[in-house]
């Protein structure tokens, strides 16, 4: 693959052959059919008609690709990849009460799911209890309501937390939810050291992509790093942060922006962990990731390869991290929720299958499919089973798991891999020039870039430059694509009753004592996790704990992007 010598006779011969071929493409007597304009990748990079060794002439096999499990991990993080162990199959679940979510979790496990992925409602994500005025109308609607350890215990009743890995999509109050998870495991009789799972804990992307932030960036990064450093010492099997490119992409970014912005955020967390005294060779081993997978199959395959290579090089060069386990980028991916359409929703099964196959071909460690009916309502059991069965078909019937990095050596995929890495690196360097991730968020740079990419994509759809089947082409005029989602007020009443019962029966003196101790600790540079855990143990609520932080740190006011 190494073809760096421009005077190589083979290169000269190839250049001459390509020139002759290009002339033929312009000759109407030879090329009788009008050329279709290609669909763009998300990064809007021009797509050549064909790729040859000349397009990857700077690629060095050992330096740039190497073998699976070898630096820079382009071809995978494990030597045998799926020949040794399949990816973890998850389905995003969580709605209503802890009891209802527990029932859905157990159904998924019975159907062969090998890991859990928990969705939380908006009050939980923003640090409010279910009986807070801000929670009105949102309790248990887009995820499960978790107000205290009482709810966490019920959500995992009869689910052994020493054997099941749980991914939790929680950010601003992640430290509190992980504390509840660890204490719930403790109450099952398990030491923190055996708890496995992941907390998203990536609050920086909330300021630019999702909006479920609470505190200002500086204090939020401190809290995130507290959790990372605590778990590195006390819960070494738990991934204490899952840096998210997923939501950046869902907000409208390109693939290269998804990489560049996510990596810039991860650098900010590692810098803060280091400032707090963390050993990055240890800490970085439990930095995990979640990325999106969209519809451009080959770009997505290339993206996962570029992600691993760029991250390995970044941590080695920037942080002098030498442990191979700390250089590896291990990622979960979820198929693109924003790519699903309310029109002709069964088409979404095909979209998710293509995206999942791209993720597997790109070598991810964990995968969840967005369900075909999510553009209409919360996923049904049938839709979730179909999504899980899609993964199982890919694993056992497609052959995609039989060969490691099957698209390696493709001139097209290798060229895309190089292009995405280079574009992402330019973005990271520009963010460095702005003063880092937090500074680029405070200035509105990231937000503006995502907004511009999103607008461009929408304009391409509206002008029909980009085809979306069932939306701007191949339309069914008789179809009613009205979303079916309706608030379930019975869920809220049940959760409010549970919370009222908790407040009546807990030791309020112990609650107040631990909350006061937490307030004192926020005024120091100490790690806050031990104090949070003590609050959780006596059934202080999520809202009560976050209220302490709100009073001490204030709340974030978003910058206006013009």
Protein backbone atom coordinates (compact mmCIF):
# COMPACT_ATOMS: atom_id res chain seq x y z
CA UNK A 1 0.00 0.00 0.00
CA UNK A 2 2.98 2.30 0.49
CA UNK A 3 3.44 4.25 -2.74
CA UNK A 4 5.29 7.35 -1.63
CA UNK A 5 7.83 7.43 -4.49
CA UNK A 6 6.24 9.68 -7.13
CA UNK A 7 8.85 8.48 -9.69
CA UNK A 8 7.88 4.86 -9.15
CA UNK A 9 7.29 3.35 -12.62
CA UNK A 10 4.12 1.70 -11.33
CA UNK A 11 2.80 5.12 -10.26
CA UNK A 12 3.63 6.64 -13.64
CA UNK A 13 1.88 3.82 -15.45
CA UNK A 14 -1.17 4.20 -13.21
CA UNK A 15 -1.31 7.96 -13.74
CA UNK A 16 -1.24 7.47 -17.51
CA UNK A 17 -3.99 4.83 -17.34
CA UNK A 18 -6.16 7.07 -15.17
CA UNK A 19 -5.71 9.95 -17.60
CA UNK A 20 -6.84 7.75 -20.50
CA UNK A 21 -9.87 6.58 -18.51
CA UNK A 22 -10.86 10.15 -17.62
CA UNK A 23 -10.83 11.07 -21.31
CA UNK A 24 -13.19 8.17 -22.02
CA UNK A 25 -15.63 9.42 -19.39
CA UNK A 26 -15.92 12.70 -21.33
CA UNK A 27 -16.41 11.01 -24.70
CA UNK A 28 -20.16 10.61 -25.40
CA UNK A 29 -19.42 7.84 -27.85
CA UNK A 30 -17.89 5.79 -25.01
CA UNK A 31 -19.90 7.02 -22.04
CA UNK A 32 -23.46 7.05 -23.39
CA UNK A 33 -25.29 7.70 -20.13
CA UNK A 34 -25.57 11.08 -18.37
CA UNK A 35 -23.65 11.10 -15.13
CA UNK A 36 -25.69 11.18 -11.92
CA UNK A 37 -24.57 13.69 -9.34
CA UNK A 38 -23.40 11.74 -6.26
CA UNK A 39 -24.99 12.02 -2.85
CA UNK A 40 -22.73 13.97 -0.53
CA UNK A 41 -21.12 12.63 2.58
CA UNK A 42 -22.17 14.55 5.67
CA UNK A 43 -18.93 16.50 5.49
CA UNK A 44 -19.90 17.58 1.95
CA UNK A 45 -16.56 16.35 0.61
CA UNK A 46 -16.58 15.93 -3.17
CA UNK A 47 -16.76 12.28 -4.15
CA UNK A 48 -14.50 11.17 -6.98
CA UNK A 49 -15.83 8.71 -9.52
CA UNK A 50 -13.18 6.16 -8.62
CA UNK A 51 -10.30 5.75 -6.21
CA UNK A 52 -6.89 4.22 -6.95
CA UNK A 53 -3.59 3.66 -5.10
CA UNK A 54 -2.69 7.24 -6.04
CA UNK A 55 -5.35 8.49 -3.61
CA UNK A 56 -3.63 6.81 -0.66
CA UNK A 57 -0.02 7.20 -1.76
CA UNK A 58 0.97 8.64 1.64
CA UNK A 59 -0.46 5.74 3.63
CA UNK A 60 2.13 3.65 5.44
CA UNK A 61 0.77 0.27 6.53
CA UNK A 62 2.53 -0.07 9.88
CA UNK A 63 2.43 3.61 10.89
CA UNK A 64 -1.12 4.33 9.73
CA UNK A 65 -2.94 0.98 9.83
CA UNK A 66 -0.98 -1.79 11.52
CA UNK A 67 -2.74 -4.89 12.87
CA UNK A 68 -5.81 -5.06 15.14
CA UNK A 69 -4.85 -4.43 18.75
CA UNK A 70 -1.70 -2.57 17.69
CA UNK A 71 -1.05 1.19 17.80
CA UNK A 72 -2.64 3.30 16.30
CA UNK A 73 -5.57 0.81 16.41
CA UNK A 74 -6.97 1.85 13.04
CA UNK A 75 -7.99 -1.75 12.36
CA UNK A 76 -9.52 -2.37 15.80
CA UNK A 77 -8.72 -2.35 19.49
CA UNK A 78 -8.69 -6.13 20.01
CA UNK A 79 -6.38 -8.57 18.19
CA UNK A 80 -9.23 -10.89 17.21
CA UNK A 81 -12.13 -8.42 17.34
CA UNK A 82 -15.50 -10.14 16.75
CA UNK A 83 -13.86 -13.52 16.15
CA UNK A 84 -13.14 -13.47 19.89
CA UNK A 85 -16.17 -11.62 21.19
CA UNK A 86 -19.12 -9.95 19.51
CA UNK A 87 -19.98 -6.35 20.24
CA UNK A 88 -22.30 -5.70 23.20
CA UNK A 89 -25.88 -5.52 21.96
CA UNK A 90 -27.86 -2.86 23.76
CA UNK A 91 -31.22 -1.26 23.22
CA UNK A 92 -31.94 2.15 24.68
CA UNK A 93 -34.78 1.73 27.18
CA UNK A 94 -36.31 3.56 30.09
CA UNK A 95 -39.66 5.21 30.54
CA UNK A 96 -42.24 5.90 33.20
CA UNK A 97 -41.44 4.54 36.63
CA UNK A 98 -38.54 2.46 37.85
CA UNK A 99 -40.86 -0.55 38.04
CA UNK A 100 -41.91 -0.24 34.39
CA UNK A 101 -38.30 0.18 33.26
CA UNK A 102 -37.29 -2.86 35.30
CA UNK A 103 -39.92 -4.90 33.46
CA UNK A 104 -38.64 -3.68 30.04
CA UNK A 105 -35.02 -4.39 31.03
CA UNK A 106 -35.86 -7.95 32.00
CA UNK A 107 -37.78 -8.47 28.75
CA UNK A 108 -34.75 -7.35 26.74
CA UNK A 109 -32.41 -9.61 28.72
CA UNK A 110 -34.75 -12.56 28.12
CA UNK A 111 -34.61 -11.79 24.38
CA UNK A 112 -30.83 -12.03 24.33
CA UNK A 113 -29.68 -8.48 25.02
CA UNK A 114 -26.24 -8.52 26.64
CA UNK A 115 -26.17 -5.04 28.17
CA UNK A 116 -28.63 -2.42 29.36
CA UNK A 117 -28.92 1.21 28.29
CA UNK A 118 -30.98 3.54 30.47
CA UNK A 119 -32.85 6.62 29.32
CA UNK A 120 -33.83 9.17 31.99
CA UNK A 121 -36.66 11.68 31.89
CA UNK A 122 -35.93 15.39 31.50
CA UNK A 123 -36.40 16.33 35.18
CA UNK A 124 -33.80 13.70 36.14
CA UNK A 125 -31.44 14.91 33.40
CA UNK A 126 -31.66 18.49 34.69
CA UNK A 127 -31.42 17.71 38.39
CA UNK A 128 -35.04 18.24 39.46
CA UNK A 129 -37.19 15.96 41.59
CA UNK A 130 -40.49 14.82 40.12
CA UNK A 131 -42.48 17.11 42.44
CA UNK A 132 -40.60 20.27 41.40
CA UNK A 133 -42.68 22.80 39.40
CA UNK A 134 -40.16 22.59 36.55
CA UNK A 135 -40.93 18.86 36.20
CA UNK A 136 -44.61 19.39 35.45
CA UNK A 137 -45.69 17.43 32.37
CA UNK A 138 -42.31 15.74 31.89
CA UNK A 139 -42.19 13.09 34.64
CA UNK A 140 -41.42 9.70 33.10
CA UNK A 141 -42.17 10.87 29.57
CA UNK A 142 -38.91 10.50 27.59
CA UNK A 143 -37.19 8.23 30.08
CA UNK A 144 -37.42 6.84 33.57
CA UNK A 145 -37.89 9.12 36.58
CA UNK A 146 -35.17 8.59 39.20
CA UNK A 147 -35.55 10.75 42.28
CA UNK A 148 -33.51 8.77 44.79
CA UNK A 149 -31.74 5.54 45.62
CA UNK A 150 -35.21 4.10 46.27
CA UNK A 151 -35.97 4.34 42.52
CA UNK A 152 -32.55 3.07 41.47
CA UNK A 153 -32.96 -0.01 43.66
CA UNK A 154 -36.33 -0.80 42.11
CA UNK A 155 -35.08 -0.24 38.55
CA UNK A 156 -32.47 -2.98 39.04
CA UNK A 157 -34.47 -5.33 41.22
CA UNK A 158 -33.57 -8.96 40.36
CA UNK A 159 -30.94 -7.72 37.88
CA UNK A 160 -27.45 -8.63 39.22
CA UNK A 161 -25.25 -5.55 38.97
CA UNK A 162 -22.08 -7.64 39.19
CA UNK A 163 -22.98 -9.39 35.91
CA UNK A 164 -24.96 -6.87 33.82
CA UNK A 165 -23.32 -3.82 32.27
CA UNK A 166 -25.49 -0.71 32.24
CA UNK A 167 -25.00 2.39 30.12
CA UNK A 168 -26.65 5.50 31.55
CA UNK A 169 -27.38 8.54 29.39
CA UNK A 170 -26.94 11.13 32.11
CA UNK A 171 -24.69 14.17 32.08
CA UNK A 172 -25.01 17.22 34.34
CA UNK A 173 -26.06 15.13 37.41
CA UNK A 174 -24.06 12.04 36.35
CA UNK A 175 -22.06 11.97 39.60
CA UNK A 176 -25.30 11.63 41.59
CA UNK A 177 -26.79 8.90 39.39
CA UNK A 178 -23.56 6.89 39.43
CA UNK A 179 -23.46 7.23 43.22
CA UNK A 180 -26.98 5.76 43.32
CA UNK A 181 -25.95 2.95 40.97
CA UNK A 182 -22.89 2.06 43.07
CA UNK A 183 -24.85 2.10 46.33
CA UNK A 184 -27.59 -0.01 44.72
CA UNK A 185 -24.89 -2.55 43.78
CA UNK A 186 -23.54 -2.34 47.32
CA UNK A 187 -27.01 -3.11 48.70
CA UNK A 188 -27.09 -6.20 46.44
CA UNK A 189 -23.90 -7.30 48.19
CA UNK A 190 -21.38 -6.22 45.55
CA UNK A 191 -18.24 -4.18 45.96
CA UNK A 192 -17.81 -1.08 43.79
CA UNK A 193 -14.89 -2.81 42.08
CA UNK A 194 -17.18 -5.33 40.32
CA UNK A 195 -19.71 -2.79 39.02
CA UNK A 196 -19.61 -2.50 35.24
CA UNK A 197 -21.25 0.02 32.99
CA UNK A 198 -20.94 3.52 31.64
CA UNK A 199 -22.15 6.97 32.57
CA UNK A 200 -22.21 9.47 29.75
CA UNK A 201 -21.01 12.28 32.07
CA UNK A 202 -20.12 14.46 29.07
CA UNK A 203 -21.61 17.77 30.06
CA UNK A 204 -19.70 19.97 27.62
CA UNK A 205 -21.68 18.69 24.66
CA UNK A 206 -24.87 19.68 26.50
CA UNK A 207 -24.01 23.33 25.99
CA UNK A 208 -23.74 22.90 22.22
CA UNK A 209 -26.06 20.03 21.32
CA UNK A 210 -28.68 18.88 23.83
CA UNK A 211 -29.36 21.62 26.36
CA UNK A 212 -29.68 19.55 29.57
CA UNK A 213 -26.96 21.51 31.35
CA UNK A 214 -27.30 22.86 34.89
CA UNK A 215 -24.11 24.51 36.14
CA UNK A 216 -21.50 26.71 34.41
CA UNK A 217 -18.86 24.86 32.33
CA UNK A 218 -15.98 25.22 34.79
CA UNK A 219 -17.87 23.69 37.72
CA UNK A 220 -19.44 21.04 35.49
CA UNK A 221 -16.04 19.90 34.25
CA UNK A 222 -14.81 19.76 37.85
CA UNK A 223 -17.71 17.49 38.83
CA UNK A 224 -17.19 15.28 35.77
CA UNK A 225 -13.49 14.89 36.57
CA UNK A 226 -14.32 14.12 40.22
CA UNK A 227 -16.38 11.16 39.03
CA UNK A 228 -13.71 10.00 36.57
CA UNK A 229 -10.92 10.08 39.14
CA UNK A 230 -13.07 8.45 41.83
CA UNK A 231 -14.05 5.55 39.59
CA UNK A 232 -10.47 5.08 38.40
CA UNK A 233 -9.58 4.27 42.01
CA UNK A 234 -12.77 2.76 43.47
CA UNK A 235 -14.71 1.30 40.51
CA UNK A 236 -12.06 0.45 37.91
CA UNK A 237 -14.43 -1.62 35.74
CA UNK A 238 -16.91 1.24 35.39
CA UNK A 239 -16.55 3.65 32.45
CA UNK A 240 -16.99 6.94 34.26
CA UNK A 241 -17.34 9.02 31.12
CA UNK A 242 -18.65 8.33 27.64
CA UNK A 243 -17.64 11.31 25.56
CA UNK A 244 -20.40 11.94 23.07
CA UNK A 245 -20.06 12.75 19.44
CA UNK A 246 -23.53 11.27 19.05
CA UNK A 247 -25.52 14.28 20.16
CA UNK A 248 -23.23 16.69 18.33
CA UNK A 249 -24.08 14.82 15.13
CA UNK A 250 -27.78 14.69 16.03
CA UNK A 251 -27.73 18.47 16.38
CA UNK A 252 -26.63 18.76 12.75
CA UNK A 253 -22.84 18.55 12.62
CA UNK A 254 -20.80 16.91 9.91
CA UNK A 255 -18.84 13.71 10.56
CA UNK A 256 -15.54 15.59 10.86
CA UNK A 257 -17.10 18.07 13.31
CA UNK A 258 -18.49 15.16 15.31
CA UNK A 259 -14.93 13.87 15.73
CA UNK A 260 -13.22 17.22 16.26
CA UNK A 261 -15.68 18.66 18.79
CA UNK A 262 -15.94 15.42 20.78
CA UNK A 263 -12.16 15.09 20.96
CA UNK A 264 -11.77 18.71 22.07
CA UNK A 265 -14.24 18.07 24.89
CA UNK A 266 -12.41 14.89 25.91
CA UNK A 267 -9.12 16.79 26.05
CA UNK A 268 -10.73 19.27 28.47
CA UNK A 269 -11.80 16.41 30.78
CA UNK A 270 -8.36 14.80 30.74
CA UNK A 271 -6.68 18.13 31.47
CA UNK A 272 -8.97 18.64 34.48
CA UNK A 273 -8.41 15.07 35.70
CA UNK A 274 -4.69 15.70 35.48
CA UNK A 275 -5.04 19.00 37.36
CA UNK A 276 -6.89 17.15 40.13
CA UNK A 277 -4.02 14.67 40.43
CA UNK A 278 -5.32 11.78 38.31
CA UNK A 279 -2.93 9.38 36.60
CA UNK A 280 -3.92 9.62 32.95
CA UNK A 281 -2.41 6.24 32.09
CA UNK A 282 -5.00 4.85 34.49
CA UNK A 283 -7.82 7.34 33.99
CA UNK A 284 -7.86 7.18 30.18
CA UNK A 285 -8.41 3.43 30.25
CA UNK A 286 -11.99 4.08 31.32
CA UNK A 287 -12.75 6.94 28.96
CA UNK A 288 -15.34 5.47 26.62
CA UNK A 289 -17.26 7.02 23.77
CA UNK A 290 -20.57 7.16 21.99
CA UNK A 291 -20.73 8.15 18.35
CA UNK A 292 -23.50 8.34 15.81
CA UNK A 293 -23.91 6.31 12.65
CA UNK A 294 -25.68 7.97 9.74
CA UNK A 295 -26.66 6.81 6.29
CA UNK A 296 -23.49 7.28 4.24
CA UNK A 297 -22.20 3.75 4.68
CA UNK A 298 -18.59 4.19 3.62
CA UNK A 299 -18.08 7.49 5.44
CA UNK A 300 -19.25 5.84 8.66
CA UNK A 301 -16.93 2.85 8.21
CA UNK A 302 -14.05 5.27 7.63
CA UNK A 303 -15.07 7.44 10.57
CA UNK A 304 -14.65 4.71 13.17
CA UNK A 305 -11.24 3.84 11.76
CA UNK A 306 -10.19 7.52 11.80
CA UNK A 307 -11.49 7.94 15.35
CA UNK A 308 -9.25 5.23 16.75
CA UNK A 309 -6.15 6.40 14.93
CA UNK A 310 -6.51 10.10 15.71
CA UNK A 311 -7.29 9.51 19.40
CA UNK A 312 -4.32 7.16 19.88
CA UNK A 313 -2.00 9.71 18.31
CA UNK A 314 -3.55 12.59 20.26
CA UNK A 315 -3.17 11.08 23.74
CA UNK A 316 0.32 9.81 22.98
CA UNK A 317 1.57 13.16 21.69
CA UNK A 318 -0.39 15.57 23.90
CA UNK A 319 -0.49 13.73 27.22
CA UNK A 320 2.44 11.32 26.82
CA UNK A 321 0.12 8.42 27.61
CA UNK A 322 2.08 5.21 27.05
CA UNK A 323 -0.22 2.42 28.26
CA UNK A 324 -1.82 0.85 25.17
CA UNK A 325 -5.06 0.29 27.12
CA UNK A 326 -5.23 4.05 27.71
CA UNK A 327 -4.53 4.84 24.04
CA UNK A 328 -7.42 2.76 22.71
CA UNK A 329 -10.69 4.37 21.72
CA UNK A 330 -13.49 1.99 22.64
CA UNK A 331 -16.89 3.15 21.48
CA UNK A 332 -20.57 2.48 21.68
CA UNK A 333 -22.63 3.69 18.76
CA UNK A 334 -26.29 4.28 18.24
CA UNK A 335 -27.83 4.52 14.81
CA UNK A 336 -28.94 8.02 13.89
CA UNK A 337 -32.19 9.05 15.52
CA UNK A 338 -32.30 12.20 13.40
CA UNK A 339 -32.19 10.10 10.23
CA UNK A 340 -35.50 8.41 11.09
CA UNK A 341 -38.60 9.69 9.36
CA UNK A 342 -42.20 9.85 10.50
CA UNK A 343 -43.16 9.27 6.87
CA UNK A 344 -43.14 5.59 5.84
CA UNK A 345 -41.63 4.54 9.19
CA UNK A 346 -40.95 0.96 8.10
CA UNK A 347 -38.24 2.40 5.85
CA UNK A 348 -36.39 3.15 9.08
CA UNK A 349 -35.72 -0.56 9.56
CA UNK A 350 -33.59 -0.49 6.40
CA UNK A 351 -31.87 2.74 7.45
CA UNK A 352 -30.96 1.37 10.88
CA UNK A 353 -29.75 -1.93 9.42
CA UNK A 354 -27.43 -0.16 6.97
CA UNK A 355 -26.11 2.09 9.73
CA UNK A 356 -25.59 -0.86 12.08
CA UNK A 357 -23.70 -2.80 9.41
CA UNK A 358 -21.45 0.24 8.87
CA UNK A 359 -20.74 0.45 12.60
CA UNK A 360 -19.88 -3.25 12.79
CA UNK A 361 -17.70 -2.98 9.68
CA UNK A 362 -15.98 -0.05 11.39
CA UNK A 363 -15.24 -2.11 14.51
CA UNK A 364 -17.36 -0.69 17.36
CA UNK A 365 -17.52 -2.33 20.79
CA UNK A 366 -21.19 -1.75 21.56
CA UNK A 367 -24.24 -1.00 19.46
CA UNK A 368 -27.87 0.06 19.80
CA UNK A 369 -30.37 0.68 17.03
CA UNK A 370 -32.84 3.52 17.05
CA UNK A 371 -36.24 1.88 16.61
CA UNK A 372 -38.27 2.34 13.44
CA UNK A 373 -41.21 3.98 15.26
CA UNK A 374 -39.23 6.54 17.30
CA UNK A 375 -40.18 9.42 15.02
CA UNK A 376 -43.81 8.73 15.95
CA UNK A 377 -43.75 7.70 19.62
CA UNK A 378 -41.77 6.02 22.35
CA UNK A 379 -40.55 2.67 20.96
CA UNK A 380 -42.92 -0.25 21.28
CA UNK A 381 -41.79 -3.69 22.43
CA UNK A 382 -42.18 -4.99 18.87
CA UNK A 383 -39.96 -2.21 17.51
CA UNK A 384 -37.30 -2.84 20.13
CA UNK A 385 -37.33 -6.55 19.40
CA UNK A 386 -36.96 -5.84 15.66
CA UNK A 387 -33.99 -3.58 16.40
CA UNK A 388 -32.33 -6.25 18.53
CA UNK A 389 -33.03 -8.96 15.95
CA UNK A 390 -31.39 -6.75 13.31
CA UNK A 391 -28.17 -6.79 15.33
CA UNK A 392 -28.40 -10.54 15.78
CA UNK A 393 -28.89 -11.09 12.03
CA UNK A 394 -25.83 -8.96 11.30
CA UNK A 395 -23.84 -10.92 13.89
CA UNK A 396 -24.85 -14.42 12.87
CA UNK A 397 -26.07 -14.32 9.27
CA UNK A 398 -24.27 -11.55 7.37
CA UNK A 399 -20.64 -12.66 7.76
CA UNK A 400 -19.68 -9.13 8.85
CA UNK A 401 -18.26 -10.43 12.13
CA UNK A 402 -16.06 -13.07 10.52
CA UNK A 403 -13.24 -10.88 9.19
CA UNK A 404 -11.57 -8.00 11.00
CA UNK A 405 -11.78 -4.56 9.36
CA UNK A 406 -13.08 -5.94 6.06
CA UNK A 407 -12.82 -2.64 4.16
CA UNK A 408 -9.13 -2.08 4.93
CA UNK A 409 -7.18 -1.57 1.73
CA UNK A 410 -10.16 -0.14 -0.13
CA UNK A 411 -8.75 2.88 -1.90
CA UNK A 412 -12.01 4.71 -1.23
CA UNK A 413 -12.30 3.84 2.47
CA UNK A 414 -8.63 4.52 3.15
CA UNK A 415 -8.90 7.88 1.40
CA UNK A 416 -12.02 8.77 3.43
CA UNK A 417 -10.29 7.66 6.63
CA UNK A 418 -7.35 9.96 5.92
CA UNK A 419 -9.62 12.85 4.93
CA UNK A 420 -11.78 12.63 8.06
CA UNK A 421 -8.73 12.46 10.31
CA UNK A 422 -7.17 15.51 8.68
CA UNK A 423 -10.37 17.57 8.79
CA UNK A 424 -11.00 16.69 12.44
CA UNK A 425 -7.43 17.59 13.35
CA UNK A 426 -7.86 21.03 11.77
CA UNK A 427 -10.95 21.58 13.91
CA UNK A 428 -9.13 20.49 17.08
CA UNK A 429 -6.22 22.82 16.32
CA UNK A 430 -8.59 25.73 15.79
CA UNK A 431 -10.29 25.04 19.14
CA UNK A 432 -6.84 25.03 20.77
CA UNK A 433 -6.23 28.46 19.25
CA UNK A 434 -9.50 29.66 20.79
CA UNK A 435 -8.37 28.54 24.25
CA UNK A 436 -9.88 25.04 24.44
CA UNK A 437 -13.31 23.47 24.47
CA UNK A 438 -14.83 25.54 27.28
CA UNK A 439 -13.66 28.80 25.70
CA UNK A 440 -14.99 27.79 22.27
CA UNK A 441 -18.37 27.00 23.86
CA UNK A 442 -18.48 30.27 25.80
CA UNK A 443 -17.69 32.20 22.61
CA UNK A 444 -20.40 30.34 20.70
CA UNK A 445 -17.98 28.89 18.12
CA UNK A 446 -19.09 25.27 18.38
CA UNK A 447 -22.77 26.20 18.44
CA UNK A 448 -22.43 28.40 15.35
CA UNK A 449 -20.55 25.73 13.38
CA UNK A 450 -23.14 23.06 14.16
CA UNK A 451 -25.97 25.44 13.33
CA UNK A 452 -24.43 26.31 9.96
CA UNK A 453 -23.93 22.64 9.05
CA UNK A 454 -27.49 21.84 10.09
CA UNK A 455 -28.94 24.65 7.98
CA UNK A 456 -26.92 23.57 4.95
CA UNK A 457 -28.19 19.97 5.30
CA UNK A 458 -31.80 21.18 5.55
CA UNK A 459 -31.41 23.39 2.49
CA UNK A 460 -30.09 20.42 0.51
CA UNK A 461 -33.17 18.39 1.54
CA UNK A 462 -35.60 21.20 0.67
CA UNK A 463 -33.95 21.80 -2.71
CA UNK A 464 -33.96 18.03 -3.33
CA UNK A 465 -30.20 18.11 -3.82
CA UNK A 466 -30.21 15.46 -1.09
CA UNK A 467 -32.81 12.70 -1.44
CA UNK A 468 -34.69 11.45 1.62
CA UNK A 469 -36.87 8.54 0.59
CA UNK A 470 -40.50 9.07 1.57
CA UNK A 471 -39.89 12.71 2.51
CA UNK A 472 -38.86 14.61 -0.61
CA UNK A 473 -39.00 11.68 -3.06
CA UNK A 474 -41.09 8.52 -3.46
CA UNK A 475 -43.80 10.09 -1.32
CA UNK A 476 -47.04 8.37 -0.34
CA UNK A 477 -49.61 11.20 -0.56
CA UNK A 478 -52.23 9.22 1.36
CA UNK A 479 -50.03 8.76 4.40
CA UNK A 480 -50.69 10.34 7.79
CA UNK A 481 -47.34 10.81 9.56
CA UNK A 482 -48.70 12.53 12.65
CA UNK A 483 -46.66 11.68 15.78
CA UNK A 484 -48.56 9.57 18.30
CA UNK A 485 -46.80 10.69 21.46
CA UNK A 486 -49.10 11.75 24.28
CA UNK A 487 -48.16 12.57 27.90
CA UNK A 488 -49.04 9.84 30.38
CA UNK A 489 -50.23 11.66 33.49
CA UNK A 490 -50.86 8.42 35.40
CA UNK A 491 -47.10 7.78 35.43
CA UNK A 492 -46.50 11.16 37.04
CA UNK A 493 -49.08 10.56 39.76
CA UNK A 494 -47.56 7.19 40.61
CA UNK A 495 -44.05 8.67 40.80
CA UNK A 496 -45.21 11.61 42.94
CA UNK A 497 -46.80 9.14 45.36
CA UNK A 498 -43.52 7.19 45.64
CA UNK A 499 -41.58 10.37 46.28
CA UNK A 500 -44.03 11.57 48.93
CA UNK A 501 -43.78 8.20 50.68
CA UNK A 502 -39.99 8.40 50.63
CA UNK A 503 -39.93 11.86 52.18
CA UNK A 504 -42.20 10.70 55.02
CA UNK A 505 -40.21 7.60 55.93
CA UNK A 506 -36.53 8.55 55.65
CA UNK A 507 -34.29 9.95 58.39
CA UNK A 508 -34.53 13.67 57.65
CA UNK A 509 -31.87 14.51 60.24
CA UNK A 510 -29.35 12.29 58.47
CA UNK A 511 -30.38 13.77 55.14
CA UNK A 512 -29.79 17.34 56.33
CA UNK A 513 -26.46 16.44 57.92
CA UNK A 514 -25.08 14.87 54.77
CA UNK A 515 -26.36 17.72 52.58
CA UNK A 516 -24.63 20.24 54.84
CA UNK A 517 -21.41 18.25 54.60
CA UNK A 518 -21.73 18.24 50.82
CA UNK A 519 -22.14 22.03 50.81
CA UNK A 520 -18.94 22.40 52.81
CA UNK A 521 -17.07 20.13 50.40
CA UNK A 522 -18.15 22.17 47.36
CA UNK A 523 -16.19 25.09 48.85
CA UNK A 524 -12.96 23.05 48.81
CA UNK A 525 -10.95 21.40 46.05
CA UNK A 526 -11.76 17.94 47.42
CA UNK A 527 -13.32 15.23 45.31
CA UNK A 528 -17.08 15.46 45.86
CA UNK A 529 -17.97 11.83 45.18
CA UNK A 530 -17.57 10.54 48.79
CA UNK A 531 -19.88 13.29 50.06
CA UNK A 532 -22.44 12.62 47.30
CA UNK A 533 -22.43 8.91 48.12
CA UNK A 534 -23.17 9.64 51.79
CA UNK A 535 -26.14 11.79 50.74
CA UNK A 536 -27.42 9.03 48.47
CA UNK A 537 -27.11 6.37 51.18
CA UNK A 538 -29.56 8.18 53.45
CA UNK A 539 -31.97 8.73 50.55
CA UNK A 540 -31.35 12.40 49.87
CA UNK A 541 -33.00 13.09 46.54
CA UNK A 542 -31.39 14.05 43.27
CA UNK A 543 -33.07 17.46 43.43
CA UNK A 544 -31.84 18.13 46.97
CA UNK A 545 -28.25 17.30 46.04
CA UNK A 546 -28.32 19.36 42.85
CA UNK A 547 -29.93 22.24 44.74
CA UNK A 548 -26.78 22.48 46.86
CA UNK A 549 -24.70 22.80 43.70
CA UNK A 550 -27.12 25.32 42.21
CA UNK A 551 -26.84 27.52 45.29
CA UNK A 552 -23.05 27.26 45.43
CA UNK A 553 -22.19 27.44 41.72
CA UNK A 554 -25.15 29.09 40.03
CA UNK A 555 -26.77 28.02 36.77
CA UNK A 556 -25.51 28.41 33.21
CA UNK A 557 -27.00 31.04 30.92
CA UNK A 558 -26.57 30.06 27.26
CA UNK A 559 -24.75 32.28 24.81
CA UNK A 560 -26.80 33.70 21.93
CA UNK A 561 -25.62 32.45 18.54
CA UNK A 562 -26.24 34.96 15.76
